[in-house]
Amino acid sequence: MEVEIRLEPELPDIKVVIRAPARTEEVEALAARLSGIPEPLWGFRGEEAVPLQTDGVLRFYGEDKAVRAQTAQAIYTVRPRLYELEQLLPPGQFVRISHSEIVNLQQVTGLDLSLTGTIRMTLSGGTACYVSRRYVKKIKEALGL
């Protein structure tokens, strides 16, 4: 693949043109990535592969050298690493709370601020997770506390 950048100061906004000999999966994936439309996130459980709706994911976390996505119905293994998910997921909706966990702020049902130096988050369905000391300030800013 060849990449060319042309600077045109008279343009009001960035314009990207993809030139290809045919419309392939690679071209479609590139267009989706450039337009900001996330590719479907696939969750795996045994021999089953399921497209995951990010709104329904409670949290992503690392476990046994794999990344898991927890929904209200089940826990799935996903292929992207946590740092990749952090870049792909909507920043106002998902936030990293520790080295090994990203939570969906829309699924937070309660916060326990009484713990010294950390926050206990309760997610839909009663799942509890803890904000690492390192991320407490970031979480308070994201939640407006």
N, C-alpha and C. Protein backbone atom coordinates (compact mmCIF):
# COMPACT_ATOMS: atom_id res chain seq x y z
N MET A 1 0.85 -1.17 0.00
CA MET A 1 0.00 0.00 0.00
C MET A 1 0.90 1.24 0.00
N GLU A 2 0.55 2.19 -0.82
CA GLU A 2 1.29 3.43 -0.91
C GLU A 2 0.49 4.52 -0.21
N VAL A 3 1.15 5.36 0.59
CA VAL A 3 0.49 6.45 1.29
C VAL A 3 1.07 7.77 0.79
N GLU A 4 0.19 8.68 0.43
CA GLU A 4 0.61 9.99 -0.07
C GLU A 4 -0.13 11.06 0.71
N ILE A 5 0.58 12.10 1.14
CA ILE A 5 -0.05 13.21 1.86
C ILE A 5 0.15 14.48 1.03
N ARG A 6 -0.95 15.16 0.73
CA ARG A 6 -0.89 16.43 0.02
C ARG A 6 -1.47 17.51 0.93
N LEU A 7 -0.72 18.55 1.17
CA LEU A 7 -1.19 19.66 1.99
C LEU A 7 -1.80 20.73 1.08
N GLU A 8 -3.06 21.06 1.36
CA GLU A 8 -3.77 22.07 0.59
C GLU A 8 -4.41 23.04 1.56
N PRO A 9 -3.72 24.15 1.85
CA PRO A 9 -4.19 25.10 2.87
C PRO A 9 -5.59 25.67 2.61
N GLU A 10 -6.06 25.68 1.38
CA GLU A 10 -7.37 26.25 1.07
C GLU A 10 -8.53 25.34 1.47
N LEU A 11 -8.26 24.08 1.77
CA LEU A 11 -9.33 23.16 2.16
C LEU A 11 -9.85 23.50 3.56
N PRO A 12 -11.16 23.47 3.77
CA PRO A 12 -11.72 23.79 5.09
C PRO A 12 -11.57 22.64 6.10
N ASP A 13 -11.44 21.41 5.61
CA ASP A 13 -11.36 20.26 6.49
C ASP A 13 -10.51 19.18 5.83
N ILE A 14 -10.20 18.15 6.58
CA ILE A 14 -9.41 17.03 6.04
C ILE A 14 -10.30 16.20 5.11
N LYS A 15 -9.76 15.82 3.96
CA LYS A 15 -10.47 14.97 3.02
C LYS A 15 -9.54 13.80 2.67
N VAL A 16 -10.05 12.60 2.77
CA VAL A 16 -9.28 11.40 2.47
C VAL A 16 -9.92 10.71 1.29
N VAL A 17 -9.11 10.37 0.30
CA VAL A 17 -9.58 9.63 -0.87
C VAL A 17 -8.82 8.32 -0.92
N ILE A 18 -9.56 7.24 -1.02
CA ILE A 18 -8.93 5.91 -1.15
C ILE A 18 -9.04 5.50 -2.60
N ARG A 19 -7.90 5.25 -3.21
CA ARG A 19 -7.87 4.78 -4.61
C ARG A 19 -7.40 3.34 -4.60
N ALA A 20 -8.22 2.47 -5.16
CA ALA A 20 -7.91 1.04 -5.15
C ALA A 20 -8.42 0.41 -6.44
N PRO A 21 -7.82 -0.72 -6.85
CA PRO A 21 -8.27 -1.38 -8.07
C PRO A 21 -9.64 -2.04 -7.92
N ALA A 22 -10.03 -2.37 -6.67
CA ALA A 22 -11.33 -3.02 -6.44
C ALA A 22 -11.77 -2.76 -5.00
N ARG A 23 -13.06 -2.91 -4.75
CA ARG A 23 -13.60 -2.74 -3.40
C ARG A 23 -13.44 -4.06 -2.65
N THR A 24 -12.44 -4.13 -1.79
CA THR A 24 -12.13 -5.36 -1.05
C THR A 24 -12.43 -5.16 0.43
N GLU A 25 -12.30 -6.24 1.19
CA GLU A 25 -12.48 -6.15 2.65
C GLU A 25 -11.46 -5.19 3.26
N GLU A 26 -10.24 -5.24 2.75
CA GLU A 26 -9.19 -4.35 3.26
C GLU A 26 -9.56 -2.88 3.02
N VAL A 27 -10.10 -2.58 1.85
CA VAL A 27 -10.52 -1.22 1.53
C VAL A 27 -11.67 -0.79 2.44
N GLU A 28 -12.63 -1.67 2.63
CA GLU A 28 -13.78 -1.37 3.51
C GLU A 28 -13.33 -1.14 4.95
N ALA A 29 -12.41 -1.97 5.46
CA ALA A 29 -11.91 -1.82 6.82
C ALA A 29 -11.16 -0.50 6.98
N LEU A 30 -10.37 -0.15 5.97
CA LEU A 30 -9.63 1.10 6.01
C LEU A 30 -10.58 2.29 6.01
N ALA A 31 -11.60 2.25 5.18
CA ALA A 31 -12.59 3.33 5.12
C ALA A 31 -13.34 3.46 6.45
N ALA A 32 -13.72 2.33 7.04
CA ALA A 32 -14.42 2.36 8.32
C ALA A 32 -13.53 2.95 9.41
N ARG A 33 -12.27 2.57 9.43
CA ARG A 33 -11.35 3.07 10.44
C ARG A 33 -11.14 4.57 10.28
N LEU A 34 -11.00 5.04 9.04
CA LEU A 34 -10.80 6.47 8.80
C LEU A 34 -12.03 7.29 9.12
N SER A 35 -13.21 6.75 8.89
CA SER A 35 -14.43 7.50 9.13
C SER A 35 -14.85 7.46 10.60
N GLY A 36 -14.14 6.69 11.41
CA GLY A 36 -14.45 6.64 12.83
C GLY A 36 -15.50 5.62 13.19
N ILE A 37 -15.97 4.86 12.23
CA ILE A 37 -16.96 3.81 12.50
C ILE A 37 -16.20 2.59 12.99
N PRO A 38 -16.40 2.19 14.24
CA PRO A 38 -15.65 1.04 14.73
C PRO A 38 -16.07 -0.25 14.03
N GLU A 39 -15.10 -1.07 13.74
CA GLU A 39 -15.39 -2.38 13.18
C GLU A 39 -16.11 -3.18 14.24
N PRO A 40 -16.90 -4.18 13.85
CA PRO A 40 -17.57 -4.95 14.90
C PRO A 40 -16.55 -5.62 15.80
N LEU A 41 -16.83 -5.58 17.08
CA LEU A 41 -15.96 -6.23 18.07
C LEU A 41 -16.53 -7.62 18.32
N TRP A 42 -15.72 -8.63 18.06
CA TRP A 42 -16.18 -10.00 18.19
C TRP A 42 -15.77 -10.57 19.53
N GLY A 43 -16.71 -11.22 20.19
CA GLY A 43 -16.44 -11.92 21.44
C GLY A 43 -16.50 -13.42 21.19
N PHE A 44 -15.60 -14.14 21.83
CA PHE A 44 -15.52 -15.59 21.64
C PHE A 44 -15.78 -16.30 22.96
N ARG A 45 -16.59 -17.36 22.88
CA ARG A 45 -16.86 -18.19 24.05
C ARG A 45 -16.97 -19.62 23.54
N GLY A 46 -15.93 -20.39 23.82
CA GLY A 46 -15.88 -21.75 23.29
C GLY A 46 -15.78 -21.71 21.78
N GLU A 47 -16.67 -22.39 21.09
CA GLU A 47 -16.68 -22.40 19.63
C GLU A 47 -17.60 -21.34 19.05
N GLU A 48 -18.14 -20.48 19.89
CA GLU A 48 -19.11 -19.48 19.46
C GLU A 48 -18.43 -18.11 19.33
N ALA A 49 -18.73 -17.40 18.24
CA ALA A 49 -18.27 -16.03 18.03
C ALA A 49 -19.50 -15.14 17.92
N VAL A 50 -19.51 -14.05 18.70
CA VAL A 50 -20.67 -13.17 18.78
C VAL A 50 -20.23 -11.73 18.57
N PRO A 51 -20.91 -10.96 17.69
CA PRO A 51 -20.58 -9.54 17.60
C PRO A 51 -21.10 -8.83 18.85
N LEU A 52 -20.24 -8.08 19.51
CA LEU A 52 -20.61 -7.42 20.76
C LEU A 52 -21.00 -5.97 20.50
N GLN A 53 -22.10 -5.56 21.08
CA GLN A 53 -22.51 -4.16 21.07
C GLN A 53 -21.82 -3.50 22.26
N THR A 54 -21.03 -2.48 22.01
CA THR A 54 -20.24 -1.88 23.10
C THR A 54 -21.12 -1.29 24.20
N ASP A 55 -22.33 -0.85 23.86
CA ASP A 55 -23.22 -0.31 24.89
C ASP A 55 -23.59 -1.36 25.93
N GLY A 56 -23.61 -2.62 25.53
CA GLY A 56 -23.99 -3.70 26.44
C GLY A 56 -22.84 -4.28 27.23
N VAL A 57 -21.62 -3.84 26.96
CA VAL A 57 -20.45 -4.36 27.68
C VAL A 57 -20.30 -3.61 28.99
N LEU A 58 -20.22 -4.35 30.09
CA LEU A 58 -20.01 -3.74 31.40
C LEU A 58 -18.57 -3.29 31.57
N ARG A 59 -17.65 -4.20 31.21
CA ARG A 59 -16.23 -3.91 31.40
C ARG A 59 -15.39 -4.83 30.54
N PHE A 60 -14.16 -4.39 30.29
CA PHE A 60 -13.13 -5.19 29.65
C PHE A 60 -12.03 -5.35 30.68
N TYR A 61 -11.50 -6.56 30.82
CA TYR A 61 -10.45 -6.76 31.80
C TYR A 61 -9.51 -7.88 31.36
N GLY A 62 -8.30 -7.82 31.90
CA GLY A 62 -7.30 -8.83 31.60
C GLY A 62 -7.39 -9.97 32.60
N GLU A 63 -7.31 -11.20 32.08
CA GLU A 63 -7.35 -12.38 32.94
C GLU A 63 -6.68 -13.53 32.21
N ASP A 64 -5.76 -14.21 32.86
CA ASP A 64 -5.07 -15.36 32.28
C ASP A 64 -4.46 -15.06 30.91
N LYS A 65 -3.78 -13.94 30.79
CA LYS A 65 -3.11 -13.51 29.56
C LYS A 65 -4.07 -13.33 28.38
N ALA A 66 -5.33 -13.04 28.68
CA ALA A 66 -6.34 -12.78 27.64
C ALA A 66 -7.16 -11.57 28.07
N VAL A 67 -7.87 -10.98 27.14
CA VAL A 67 -8.74 -9.86 27.45
C VAL A 67 -10.18 -10.36 27.39
N ARG A 68 -10.93 -10.09 28.44
CA ARG A 68 -12.33 -10.53 28.54
C ARG A 68 -13.26 -9.32 28.44
N ALA A 69 -14.44 -9.55 27.89
CA ALA A 69 -15.51 -8.57 27.84
C ALA A 69 -16.67 -9.15 28.62
N GLN A 70 -17.10 -8.44 29.65
CA GLN A 70 -18.21 -8.91 30.46
C GLN A 70 -19.47 -8.15 30.09
N THR A 71 -20.51 -8.90 29.73
CA THR A 71 -21.82 -8.33 29.46
C THR A 71 -22.76 -8.83 30.56
N ALA A 72 -24.01 -8.40 30.52
CA ALA A 72 -24.98 -8.87 31.50
C ALA A 72 -25.27 -10.35 31.33
N GLN A 73 -25.07 -10.87 30.10
CA GLN A 73 -25.41 -12.26 29.82
C GLN A 73 -24.23 -13.22 30.00
N ALA A 74 -23.02 -12.80 29.62
CA ALA A 74 -21.90 -13.74 29.61
C ALA A 74 -20.57 -13.00 29.61
N ILE A 75 -19.51 -13.78 29.70
CA ILE A 75 -18.14 -13.25 29.60
C ILE A 75 -17.53 -13.84 28.33
N TYR A 76 -16.96 -12.96 27.51
CA TYR A 76 -16.37 -13.35 26.24
C TYR A 76 -14.89 -13.00 26.22
N THR A 77 -14.14 -13.70 25.41
CA THR A 77 -12.75 -13.34 25.14
C THR A 77 -12.74 -12.49 23.88
N VAL A 78 -11.98 -11.40 23.91
CA VAL A 78 -11.86 -10.54 22.73
C VAL A 78 -10.40 -10.50 22.30
N ARG A 79 -10.18 -10.24 21.02
CA ARG A 79 -8.81 -10.26 20.49
C ARG A 79 -8.00 -9.00 20.78
N PRO A 80 -8.60 -7.79 20.66
CA PRO A 80 -7.76 -6.60 20.89
C PRO A 80 -7.24 -6.55 22.33
N ARG A 81 -6.05 -6.02 22.49
CA ARG A 81 -5.46 -5.83 23.81
C ARG A 81 -6.13 -4.61 24.46
N LEU A 82 -5.96 -4.45 25.77
CA LEU A 82 -6.61 -3.34 26.48
C LEU A 82 -6.18 -1.98 25.93
N TYR A 83 -4.92 -1.82 25.62
CA TYR A 83 -4.46 -0.52 25.11
C TYR A 83 -5.08 -0.23 23.74
N GLU A 84 -5.35 -1.27 22.94
CA GLU A 84 -6.01 -1.08 21.65
C GLU A 84 -7.48 -0.72 21.85
N LEU A 85 -8.13 -1.38 22.80
CA LEU A 85 -9.52 -1.07 23.10
C LEU A 85 -9.66 0.36 23.60
N GLU A 86 -8.71 0.79 24.39
CA GLU A 86 -8.74 2.15 24.93
C GLU A 86 -8.77 3.18 23.79
N GLN A 87 -8.11 2.87 22.68
CA GLN A 87 -8.09 3.77 21.53
C GLN A 87 -9.36 3.65 20.69
N LEU A 88 -9.95 2.45 20.63
CA LEU A 88 -11.12 2.20 19.78
C LEU A 88 -12.44 2.63 20.40
N LEU A 89 -12.56 2.49 21.71
CA LEU A 89 -13.84 2.73 22.39
C LEU A 89 -14.10 4.22 22.57
N PRO A 90 -15.38 4.61 22.60
CA PRO A 90 -15.72 6.03 22.80
C PRO A 90 -15.16 6.54 24.14
N PRO A 91 -14.34 7.61 24.13
CA PRO A 91 -13.67 8.07 25.34
C PRO A 91 -14.61 8.58 26.43
N GLY A 92 -15.76 9.14 26.09
CA GLY A 92 -16.67 9.61 27.12
C GLY A 92 -17.47 8.50 27.76
N GLN A 93 -17.50 7.35 27.12
CA GLN A 93 -18.29 6.22 27.61
C GLN A 93 -17.44 5.20 28.35
N PHE A 94 -16.24 4.95 27.86
CA PHE A 94 -15.36 3.96 28.47
C PHE A 94 -14.13 4.65 29.05
N VAL A 95 -13.74 4.20 30.24
CA VAL A 95 -12.58 4.80 30.88
C VAL A 95 -11.77 3.71 31.58
N ARG A 96 -10.48 3.86 31.53
CA ARG A 96 -9.59 2.89 32.17
C ARG A 96 -9.56 3.18 33.66
N ILE A 97 -9.74 2.13 34.48
CA ILE A 97 -9.74 2.34 35.93
C ILE A 97 -8.55 1.68 36.62
N SER A 98 -7.83 0.85 35.87
CA SER A 98 -6.62 0.22 36.40
C SER A 98 -5.80 -0.29 35.23
N HIS A 99 -4.65 -0.83 35.54
CA HIS A 99 -3.77 -1.36 34.50
C HIS A 99 -4.46 -2.47 33.71
N SER A 100 -5.39 -3.17 34.35
CA SER A 100 -5.99 -4.34 33.71
C SER A 100 -7.50 -4.25 33.51
N GLU A 101 -8.06 -3.01 33.55
CA GLU A 101 -9.53 -2.93 33.44
C GLU A 101 -10.01 -1.61 32.85
N ILE A 102 -11.00 -1.72 31.97
CA ILE A 102 -11.70 -0.57 31.37
C ILE A 102 -13.18 -0.78 31.64
N VAL A 103 -13.87 0.25 32.15
CA VAL A 103 -15.30 0.10 32.45
C VAL A 103 -16.15 1.02 31.58
N ASN A 104 -17.40 0.62 31.41
CA ASN A 104 -18.40 1.40 30.70
C ASN A 104 -19.08 2.30 31.73
N LEU A 105 -18.87 3.62 31.64
CA LEU A 105 -19.43 4.54 32.63
C LEU A 105 -20.95 4.55 32.62
N GLN A 106 -21.57 4.16 31.50
CA GLN A 106 -23.02 4.11 31.44
C GLN A 106 -23.58 2.94 32.23
N GLN A 107 -22.73 1.99 32.61
CA GLN A 107 -23.16 0.82 33.38
C GLN A 107 -22.86 0.95 34.87
N VAL A 108 -22.30 2.09 35.30
CA VAL A 108 -21.98 2.29 36.72
C VAL A 108 -23.26 2.63 37.46
N THR A 109 -23.55 1.85 38.51
CA THR A 109 -24.76 2.09 39.30
C THR A 109 -24.47 2.67 40.67
N GLY A 110 -23.20 2.61 41.10
CA GLY A 110 -22.87 3.17 42.40
C GLY A 110 -21.38 3.31 42.60
N LEU A 111 -21.01 4.24 43.49
CA LEU A 111 -19.61 4.47 43.84
C LEU A 111 -19.47 4.48 45.35
N ASP A 112 -18.46 3.83 45.87
CA ASP A 112 -18.14 3.87 47.28
C ASP A 112 -16.84 4.65 47.43
N LEU A 113 -16.96 5.89 47.91
CA LEU A 113 -15.80 6.76 48.04
C LEU A 113 -15.18 6.70 49.43
N SER A 114 -15.73 5.85 50.32
CA SER A 114 -15.25 5.81 51.70
C SER A 114 -13.91 5.10 51.86
N LEU A 115 -13.51 4.33 50.86
CA LEU A 115 -12.23 3.63 50.93
C LEU A 115 -11.09 4.64 50.75
N THR A 116 -10.07 4.52 51.56
CA THR A 116 -8.95 5.45 51.49
C THR A 116 -8.11 5.21 50.25
N GLY A 117 -8.03 6.24 49.39
CA GLY A 117 -7.15 6.18 48.24
C GLY A 117 -7.69 5.44 47.03
N THR A 118 -8.88 4.89 47.10
CA THR A 118 -9.43 4.18 45.95
C THR A 118 -10.94 4.36 45.90
N ILE A 119 -11.57 3.89 44.87
CA ILE A 119 -13.02 3.97 44.70
C ILE A 119 -13.52 2.58 44.33
N ARG A 120 -14.60 2.16 44.96
CA ARG A 120 -15.25 0.89 44.60
C ARG A 120 -16.42 1.23 43.70
N MET A 121 -16.40 0.69 42.47
CA MET A 121 -17.49 0.92 41.51
C MET A 121 -18.39 -0.30 41.47
N THR A 122 -19.68 -0.06 41.48
CA THR A 122 -20.65 -1.14 41.30
C THR A 122 -21.27 -0.95 39.93
N LEU A 123 -21.25 -2.01 39.13
CA LEU A 123 -21.79 -1.97 37.78
C LEU A 123 -23.15 -2.66 37.76
N SER A 124 -23.88 -2.50 36.67
CA SER A 124 -25.17 -3.17 36.50
C SER A 124 -25.00 -4.66 36.78
N GLY A 125 -25.95 -5.24 37.45
CA GLY A 125 -25.87 -6.65 37.77
C GLY A 125 -25.09 -6.94 39.05
N GLY A 126 -24.58 -5.89 39.71
CA GLY A 126 -23.90 -6.07 40.98
C GLY A 126 -22.40 -6.33 40.90
N THR A 127 -21.82 -6.32 39.73
CA THR A 127 -20.37 -6.52 39.59
C THR A 127 -19.64 -5.37 40.25
N ALA A 128 -18.68 -5.69 41.09
CA ALA A 128 -17.88 -4.66 41.76
C ALA A 128 -16.46 -4.66 41.21
N CYS A 129 -15.92 -3.48 41.03
CA CYS A 129 -14.54 -3.35 40.59
C CYS A 129 -13.93 -2.15 41.30
N TYR A 130 -12.61 -2.13 41.38
CA TYR A 130 -11.92 -1.11 42.14
C TYR A 130 -11.04 -0.25 41.26
N VAL A 131 -11.10 1.05 41.49
CA VAL A 131 -10.27 1.99 40.76
C VAL A 131 -8.90 2.01 41.41
N SER A 132 -7.88 1.81 40.62
CA SER A 132 -6.51 1.85 41.10
C SER A 132 -6.19 3.28 41.58
N ARG A 133 -5.36 3.40 42.60
CA ARG A 133 -4.98 4.72 43.12
C ARG A 133 -4.46 5.62 42.01
N ARG A 134 -3.75 5.03 41.10
CA ARG A 134 -3.16 5.78 40.00
C ARG A 134 -4.21 6.44 39.10
N TYR A 135 -5.42 5.88 39.04
CA TYR A 135 -6.47 6.36 38.15
C TYR A 135 -7.59 7.11 38.87
N VAL A 136 -7.52 7.28 40.18
CA VAL A 136 -8.59 7.91 40.94
C VAL A 136 -8.86 9.33 40.45
N LYS A 137 -7.83 10.13 40.26
CA LYS A 137 -8.01 11.51 39.82
C LYS A 137 -8.68 11.56 38.45
N LYS A 138 -8.24 10.70 37.54
CA LYS A 138 -8.80 10.64 36.18
C LYS A 138 -10.29 10.27 36.23
N ILE A 139 -10.65 9.32 37.08
CA ILE A 139 -12.04 8.87 37.19
C ILE A 139 -12.91 9.98 37.78
N LYS A 140 -12.40 10.66 38.80
CA LYS A 140 -13.18 11.76 39.40
C LYS A 140 -13.43 12.86 38.38
N GLU A 141 -12.44 13.15 37.54
CA GLU A 141 -12.62 14.15 36.49
C GLU A 141 -13.64 13.68 35.46
N ALA A 142 -13.57 12.41 35.07
CA ALA A 142 -14.50 11.87 34.07
C ALA A 142 -15.92 11.87 34.58
N LEU A 143 -16.10 11.66 35.88
CA LEU A 143 -17.43 11.61 36.46
C LEU A 143 -17.90 12.96 36.98
N GLY A 144 -17.02 13.96 36.98
CA GLY A 144 -17.36 15.29 37.47
C GLY A 144 -17.47 15.36 38.97
N LEU A 145 -16.67 14.59 39.68
CA LEU A 145 -16.68 14.60 41.16
C LEU A 145 -15.66 15.57 41.73
